[in-house]
Structure formats: C-alpha cells, structure tokens
Amino acid sequence: MPSGGRSRWQLSLFKEAFEWMKLLSLSGIWRILNRLGIALKRGRAYIHSPDPQYREKLAAVENFREQAKRSRGRVVALYTDEISYYRQPEPSRDYEERGSKYQPRAGRSHRSNTLAREAAALNPSTGEVIHHGASRLGVTEMLRFYRQILEAYPHARRIYLIEDNWPLHYHPNLLCHLEDQQTGFPLNVPSTWRKAEVLEQSRRTRESLKKKGELLPIQIVPLPTYAPWTDPVEKFWRKFRQEFLHLHRKADEWEELKRGVKGYMDKFRAGSRELLRYVGLTPKQTSRRSRAAAVAHSPP
C-alpha cells in the first residue's frame, strides 16, 4: 500500500518509498519495474469467500453427471445459468484500416439501454443448449424455462439442474413446483422469502400439485459459492458476447436483436462438439480441468 493516503501507486511514489530510488528519474524507475516484471495493469472486481463445501459440491456434481451417463436417458444432468444483454452494443476489437482516424465503432442508439434476459441449459455430454428469453426472469419465467427443459427430455425420470447460487433458484414459489429436494446442501434465500405468508402460499400450491401428480421431476444441484469457473455456461456466455453482442449493429432494432439472439442460441439446439471443446467439457479435458480447479480454488 503506498504512503500518503493514496490507494494506488504512481512512479513518483516509488521515489518516496524506496531510498535507493530517490535519485532515479521516473523513466529510470519505469525501466527497473519493467525488468522486474511489474507493470501498470487494470484492476478487476474481486471477492474472496471460499465455500467450505467446495469439494463436496463438486463431487456431488460429478456423481450426478455419472448417473446421467449410465442411465440411457432416464436421468439427465444439465448446467444452467442466466445472462443479461442490452440494446447498446459492447465495444470490442475488430479489423479496421490502419490510422488513428479509423476505429471499429459500437454504434449507439439514442433510445434507452433496454435490457433482456436469457436462461440456458447446457448438456455436458452432447453440447445441446436449451434456452428461454424474457424481459425479466422471475418465478413464472423460470417455470416456463424448466418446463421447456422437460419437453426436450420427455423420457427423463429425473433432471438434475446444476446451478449457481442466485437466490431465485431457491424461491419457495419455484421449489414448490418441483419434486422433494434431496440435496444435502443449504438452499439459502432472503429472509423476506421466508415470511409465513410466502411459505403458506407455496405449501398450498405444492399440496395441490402433488395431489394432481404434477410436480416436476427436477432436482436442484448447487454449485460452490463465488466459483463461476465451475459452471461451463459462463464460457458459453463469453462465446455469445464475443461472437454476437460485441459491436452488433442492431441498437435501433431491438426486436430484431432479440430474434438474432434466439437464432444464435438455436444453433446449438441439436448439440455441438465444438461448443463442448470451447467450454472445456470434452472427455479428456473434463477430468484434468476439474482436478486442477479443485486444487487451485478450493479452500485450505
């Protein structure tokens, strides 16, 4: 931490902090830092909160995936996640004529930066992607997404959804539509969702659905907290941003942009080995990367 109440280093502060640098020029200090492998770098948002059940949760995910592989379609395991995207395009690199006056342009609209949401489920065995888009993803839209998944796997007796810890995944009004959850891990929700009236409403809904035999055969499998590298769908979102959202030309054509998003997602509806390679789920890579991630990111 630099002195003088500053939060970041400047070259001039090195002269004050280190006696042997006092007679050096700023250029000389830069050259020394460069030789030492120290450079000015952009920071990133960061939080360190390791999940004490990191290894156990990854082991559970691996177990359910193995069950799905051996079940001949009776059991399905899917990674799921959600993303927001906007009307305004994201700046990025692209090929352009040399010269300072030529730059790839992210053409902006004068309209407000409208937002839409997309949910996706990735089959780690086939690369198949099931997706559902909406202006916002609440309990109703997530139920539609879940039913869409069931329609895609009509012969499955049980579907494991491997998800991050977004509280909506565990909303009582969502879980009451699913079969009894067997996870041994806590499904934490905000205190406002645990109020008596919310729980009573979900209980009545559940009893009604159970009598009709309409509970969805879905089990929620939570991923470790603050561990996005454990969800391959995050890499699918990166691919989506890079190939479709960056520098898109549809800022003034919102409905056409949303149709384009649907068309992009639909390309993976029948499965994709190339996508599996991209997200690190090809058979040989999976075991190595899983072990490496567990060692590198698990708590001591």
Protein backbone atom coordinates (compact mmCIF):
# COMPACT_ATOMS: atom_id res chain seq x y z
CA MET A 1 0.00 0.00 0.00
CA PRO A 2 1.54 3.37 -0.98
CA SER A 3 2.09 6.06 1.63
CA GLY A 4 0.46 9.49 1.86
CA GLY A 5 -3.12 8.21 1.97
CA ARG A 6 -3.13 7.18 -1.70
CA SER A 7 -4.85 3.98 -2.74
CA ARG A 8 -2.74 3.35 -5.88
CA TRP A 9 0.92 3.52 -6.78
CA GLN A 10 2.45 6.19 -9.05
CA LEU A 11 6.02 6.25 -10.28
CA SER A 12 6.77 9.30 -8.13
CA LEU A 13 5.66 7.41 -5.01
CA PHE A 14 8.36 4.79 -5.57
CA LYS A 15 10.95 7.57 -5.11
CA GLU A 16 9.44 8.41 -1.73
CA ALA A 17 9.01 4.82 -0.56
CA PHE A 18 12.43 3.41 -1.52
CA GLU A 19 15.63 5.19 -0.56
CA TRP A 20 17.65 3.67 -3.40
CA MET A 21 15.23 5.10 -5.97
CA LYS A 22 15.38 8.73 -4.82
CA LEU A 23 17.97 9.78 -7.41
CA LEU A 24 16.36 7.95 -10.32
CA SER A 25 14.23 9.62 -12.98
CA LEU A 26 10.65 8.48 -13.49
CA SER A 27 11.75 6.87 -16.74
CA GLY A 28 14.51 5.02 -14.87
CA ILE A 29 12.05 3.76 -12.26
CA TRP A 30 9.73 2.53 -15.03
CA ARG A 31 12.59 0.63 -16.68
CA ILE A 32 13.55 -1.06 -13.42
CA LEU A 33 9.95 -2.08 -12.72
CA ASN A 34 9.67 -3.40 -16.28
CA ARG A 35 12.77 -5.57 -15.78
CA LEU A 36 11.25 -6.86 -12.53
CA GLY A 37 8.06 -7.81 -14.35
CA ILE A 38 5.95 -5.11 -12.67
CA ALA A 39 3.60 -3.15 -14.93
CA LEU A 40 0.62 -0.79 -14.72
CA LYS A 41 -2.43 -3.03 -15.07
CA ARG A 42 -6.18 -2.51 -15.00
CA GLY A 43 -7.79 -3.88 -11.83
CA ARG A 44 -10.82 -6.17 -11.62
CA ALA A 45 -13.63 -6.60 -9.13
CA TYR A 46 -12.73 -9.30 -6.63
CA ILE A 47 -14.21 -11.03 -3.62
CA HIS A 48 -12.67 -13.89 -1.68
CA SER A 49 -15.22 -16.03 0.09
CA PRO A 50 -14.36 -19.71 -0.40
CA ASP A 51 -17.17 -22.19 0.01
CA PRO A 52 -16.32 -24.56 2.90
CA GLN A 53 -18.19 -27.29 0.99
CA TYR A 54 -16.39 -26.63 -2.30
CA ARG A 55 -15.04 -30.16 -2.78
CA GLU A 56 -18.26 -31.81 -1.61
CA LYS A 57 -20.40 -29.83 -4.04
CA LEU A 58 -18.11 -30.59 -6.99
CA ALA A 59 -18.12 -34.26 -6.01
CA ALA A 60 -21.94 -34.22 -5.98
CA VAL A 61 -22.00 -32.61 -9.44
CA GLU A 62 -19.64 -35.28 -10.77
CA ASN A 63 -21.77 -38.01 -9.21
CA PHE A 64 -24.97 -36.78 -10.87
CA ARG A 65 -23.23 -36.42 -14.21
CA GLU A 66 -22.03 -40.01 -13.96
CA GLN A 67 -25.57 -41.14 -13.11
CA ALA A 68 -26.83 -39.39 -16.22
CA LYS A 69 -24.19 -41.06 -18.41
CA ARG A 70 -25.14 -44.53 -17.19
CA SER A 71 -28.91 -44.06 -17.26
CA ARG A 72 -29.53 -44.26 -21.03
CA GLY A 73 -31.62 -41.11 -20.98
CA ARG A 74 -33.66 -41.82 -17.85
CA VAL A 75 -31.56 -39.32 -15.88
CA VAL A 76 -30.32 -36.01 -17.30
CA ALA A 77 -27.79 -33.59 -15.78
CA LEU A 78 -27.60 -30.04 -17.15
CA TYR A 79 -25.60 -26.94 -16.28
CA THR A 80 -27.79 -23.83 -16.24
CA ASP A 81 -27.21 -20.10 -15.94
CA GLU A 82 -28.70 -16.72 -16.88
CA ILE A 83 -27.37 -13.63 -18.62
CA SER A 84 -28.48 -10.04 -19.21
CA TYR A 85 -27.86 -8.30 -22.50
CA TYR A 86 -28.64 -4.78 -23.66
CA ARG A 87 -29.74 -2.77 -26.64
CA GLN A 88 -26.44 -0.87 -26.85
CA PRO A 89 -23.55 -2.87 -28.37
CA GLU A 90 -20.41 -3.64 -26.40
CA PRO A 91 -17.14 -2.15 -27.76
CA SER A 92 -14.51 -4.66 -28.80
CA ARG A 93 -11.61 -5.23 -31.17
CA ASP A 94 -12.15 -5.79 -34.88
CA TYR A 95 -10.16 -5.48 -38.09
CA GLU A 96 -10.08 -1.94 -39.47
CA GLU A 97 -7.93 0.22 -41.73
CA ARG A 98 -4.72 1.47 -40.12
CA GLY A 99 -4.60 5.03 -38.83
CA SER A 100 -5.84 6.93 -35.80
CA LYS A 101 -9.00 8.16 -37.51
CA TYR A 102 -10.23 4.62 -38.23
CA GLN A 103 -11.63 2.59 -35.36
CA PRO A 104 -14.20 -0.19 -35.00
CA ARG A 105 -17.33 1.59 -33.80
CA ALA A 106 -20.00 0.36 -31.44
CA GLY A 107 -22.86 2.41 -32.89
CA ARG A 108 -25.18 3.53 -30.09
CA SER A 109 -28.90 4.23 -30.23
CA HIS A 110 -30.49 7.41 -28.83
CA ARG A 111 -33.04 5.19 -27.12
CA SER A 112 -32.73 3.94 -23.54
CA ASN A 113 -30.45 0.96 -22.98
CA THR A 114 -33.19 -1.68 -22.88
CA LEU A 115 -32.36 -4.93 -21.09
CA ALA A 116 -33.37 -8.51 -21.77
CA ARG A 117 -32.56 -11.78 -20.02
CA GLU A 118 -31.73 -15.23 -21.34
CA ALA A 119 -31.58 -18.53 -19.48
CA ALA A 120 -29.72 -21.51 -20.90
CA ALA A 121 -29.21 -25.18 -20.01
CA LEU A 122 -26.14 -26.96 -21.38
CA ASN A 123 -25.93 -30.74 -21.70
CA PRO A 124 -22.31 -31.65 -20.77
CA SER A 125 -22.46 -34.85 -22.82
CA THR A 126 -23.85 -33.56 -26.13
CA GLY A 127 -23.35 -29.79 -26.13
CA GLU A 128 -27.10 -29.30 -26.58
CA VAL A 129 -28.36 -25.89 -25.43
CA ILE A 130 -31.94 -25.20 -24.36
CA HIS A 131 -32.72 -21.52 -23.85
CA HIS A 132 -35.53 -19.21 -22.85
CA GLY A 133 -35.63 -15.42 -23.23
CA ALA A 134 -37.72 -12.78 -21.45
CA SER A 135 -37.59 -9.13 -20.47
CA ARG A 136 -37.03 -10.33 -16.90
CA LEU A 137 -36.61 -13.72 -15.28
CA GLY A 138 -38.87 -14.19 -12.28
CA VAL A 139 -40.56 -17.29 -10.87
CA THR A 140 -43.07 -17.50 -13.73
CA GLU A 141 -40.45 -17.32 -16.47
CA MET A 142 -38.15 -19.77 -14.70
CA LEU A 143 -41.02 -22.25 -14.51
CA ARG A 144 -41.56 -21.86 -18.24
CA PHE A 145 -37.86 -22.50 -18.74
CA TYR A 146 -37.99 -25.64 -16.59
CA ARG A 147 -41.00 -26.96 -18.49
CA GLN A 148 -39.18 -26.27 -21.73
CA ILE A 149 -36.33 -28.45 -20.46
CA LEU A 150 -38.78 -31.25 -19.59
CA GLU A 151 -40.27 -31.09 -23.08
CA ALA A 152 -36.78 -31.52 -24.53
CA TYR A 153 -36.23 -34.68 -22.44
CA PRO A 154 -39.66 -36.39 -22.39
CA HIS A 155 -38.22 -39.79 -21.36
CA ALA A 156 -36.24 -38.48 -18.38
CA ARG A 157 -37.49 -39.63 -15.00
CA ARG A 158 -35.30 -37.09 -13.23
CA ILE A 159 -33.39 -33.99 -14.32
CA TYR A 160 -30.57 -32.52 -12.26
CA LEU A 161 -30.11 -28.79 -12.81
CA ILE A 162 -26.60 -27.74 -11.79
CA GLU A 163 -26.95 -24.06 -10.93
CA ASP A 164 -25.16 -21.19 -9.22
CA ASN A 165 -26.46 -19.61 -6.03
CA TRP A 166 -28.77 -16.94 -7.46
CA PRO A 167 -31.47 -16.78 -4.74
CA LEU A 168 -34.31 -17.01 -7.26
CA HIS A 169 -33.31 -20.62 -7.95
CA TYR A 170 -34.45 -21.41 -4.40
CA HIS A 171 -37.57 -19.24 -4.20
CA PRO A 172 -40.30 -21.14 -2.29
CA ASN A 173 -42.82 -20.36 -5.04
CA LEU A 174 -40.48 -22.03 -7.54
CA LEU A 175 -39.37 -25.00 -5.46
CA CYS A 176 -42.98 -25.88 -4.62
CA HIS A 177 -43.45 -26.92 -8.26
CA LEU A 178 -40.56 -29.40 -8.05
CA GLU A 179 -40.32 -32.85 -6.50
CA ASP A 180 -38.96 -33.14 -2.94
CA GLN A 181 -35.41 -31.81 -2.99
CA GLN A 182 -32.79 -34.30 -1.80
CA THR A 183 -29.73 -32.06 -1.75
CA GLY A 184 -27.71 -32.11 1.44
CA PHE A 185 -26.57 -28.53 0.91
CA PRO A 186 -28.41 -25.47 2.23
CA LEU A 187 -30.51 -23.51 -0.26
CA ASN A 188 -30.26 -20.00 1.16
CA VAL A 189 -32.90 -17.41 0.33
CA PRO A 190 -33.52 -13.83 1.54
CA SER A 191 -35.42 -13.53 4.81
CA THR A 192 -38.35 -11.79 3.06
CA TRP A 193 -38.99 -15.02 1.14
CA ARG A 194 -39.26 -16.98 4.39
CA LYS A 195 -42.21 -14.99 5.69
CA ALA A 196 -45.20 -17.00 6.83
CA GLU A 197 -47.50 -15.84 4.03
CA VAL A 198 -44.97 -16.77 1.32
CA LEU A 199 -44.35 -20.19 2.81
CA GLU A 200 -48.07 -20.80 3.26
CA GLN A 201 -48.76 -19.92 -0.37
CA SER A 202 -46.02 -22.25 -1.59
CA ARG A 203 -47.29 -25.03 0.72
CA ARG A 204 -50.82 -24.81 -0.67
CA THR A 205 -49.52 -24.79 -4.25
CA ARG A 206 -47.36 -27.82 -3.52
CA GLU A 207 -50.17 -29.82 -1.96
CA SER A 208 -52.42 -29.12 -4.94
CA LEU A 209 -49.76 -30.11 -7.48
CA LYS A 210 -48.85 -33.23 -5.51
CA LYS A 211 -52.47 -34.43 -5.48
CA LYS A 212 -52.63 -33.96 -9.24
CA GLY A 213 -49.25 -35.68 -9.75
CA GLU A 214 -47.90 -32.57 -11.46
CA LEU A 215 -44.67 -31.97 -9.52
CA LEU A 216 -41.77 -31.55 -11.90
CA PRO A 217 -39.08 -34.29 -11.66
CA ILE A 218 -36.30 -31.73 -11.18
CA GLN A 219 -33.55 -31.68 -8.56
CA ILE A 220 -31.53 -28.51 -7.93
CA VAL A 221 -27.78 -29.08 -7.53
CA PRO A 222 -25.99 -26.00 -6.12
CA LEU A 223 -22.52 -25.14 -7.33
CA PRO A 224 -19.93 -23.75 -4.90
CA THR A 225 -20.49 -20.11 -3.96
CA TYR A 226 -18.35 -17.43 -5.65
CA ALA A 227 -16.97 -20.02 -8.09
CA PRO A 228 -18.13 -19.12 -11.63
CA TRP A 229 -15.32 -21.21 -13.14
CA THR A 230 -17.23 -24.33 -12.06
CA ASP A 231 -20.13 -23.54 -14.44
CA PRO A 232 -19.28 -24.12 -18.13
CA VAL A 233 -22.26 -22.00 -19.19
CA GLU A 234 -20.21 -18.97 -18.14
CA LYS A 235 -17.85 -19.76 -21.02
CA PHE A 236 -20.80 -20.17 -23.35
CA TRP A 237 -21.84 -16.63 -22.39
CA ARG A 238 -18.34 -15.43 -23.22
CA LYS A 239 -18.61 -17.05 -26.64
CA PHE A 240 -22.05 -15.44 -27.11
CA ARG A 241 -20.72 -11.99 -26.23
CA GLN A 242 -17.66 -12.29 -28.44
CA GLU A 243 -19.43 -13.67 -31.48
CA PHE A 244 -22.73 -11.84 -31.35
CA LEU A 245 -23.04 -8.96 -28.88
CA HIS A 246 -19.73 -7.16 -29.35
CA LEU A 247 -20.07 -4.41 -31.98
CA HIS A 248 -23.55 -5.58 -33.06
CA ARG A 249 -25.40 -3.25 -35.48
CA LYS A 250 -28.93 -3.63 -34.06
CA ALA A 251 -29.07 -0.84 -31.45
CA ASP A 252 -32.05 0.75 -33.20
CA GLU A 253 -33.70 -2.59 -33.97
CA TRP A 254 -34.41 -4.10 -30.57
CA GLU A 255 -36.87 -6.77 -31.70
CA GLU A 256 -34.54 -7.84 -34.49
CA LEU A 257 -31.67 -8.02 -31.99
CA LYS A 258 -33.72 -10.36 -29.78
CA ARG A 259 -34.57 -12.54 -32.79
CA GLY A 260 -30.87 -12.66 -33.57
CA VAL A 261 -30.11 -13.79 -30.02
CA LYS A 262 -32.67 -16.57 -30.39
CA GLY A 263 -31.17 -17.58 -33.73
CA TYR A 264 -27.69 -17.70 -32.22
CA MET A 265 -28.83 -19.89 -29.35
CA ASP A 266 -30.83 -22.16 -31.65
CA LYS A 267 -27.62 -23.09 -33.50
CA PHE A 268 -26.71 -25.28 -30.52
CA ARG A 269 -30.15 -26.85 -30.08
CA ALA A 270 -29.08 -30.16 -31.62
CA GLY A 271 -25.76 -30.29 -29.73
CA SER A 272 -22.23 -29.22 -30.60
CA ARG A 273 -18.92 -30.97 -30.04
CA GLU A 274 -17.17 -27.72 -30.88
CA LEU A 275 -19.05 -25.98 -28.06
CA LEU A 276 -18.06 -28.72 -25.62
CA ARG A 277 -14.42 -28.19 -26.55
CA TYR A 278 -14.78 -24.44 -26.14
CA VAL A 279 -16.23 -24.66 -22.62
CA GLY A 280 -13.79 -27.39 -21.56
CA LEU A 281 -16.16 -30.35 -21.42
CA THR A 282 -14.58 -32.77 -23.87
CA PRO A 283 -13.94 -36.09 -22.09
CA LYS A 284 -10.16 -35.83 -21.75
CA GLN A 285 -10.23 -32.21 -20.67
CA THR A 286 -13.03 -32.58 -18.13
CA SER A 287 -11.20 -34.69 -15.59
CA ARG A 288 -7.96 -32.71 -15.80
CA ARG A 289 -9.67 -29.34 -15.54
CA SER A 290 -11.94 -30.45 -12.72
CA ARG A 291 -8.98 -31.65 -10.70
CA ALA A 292 -6.99 -28.51 -11.48
CA ALA A 293 -9.89 -26.24 -10.50
CA ALA A 294 -10.46 -28.12 -7.27
CA VAL A 295 -6.79 -27.79 -6.28
CA ALA A 296 -6.40 -24.17 -7.39
CA HIS A 297 -9.60 -22.71 -5.97
CA SER A 298 -10.67 -24.89 -3.09
CA PRO A 299 -10.29 -23.54 0.48
CA PRO A 300 -7.34 -24.80 2.55
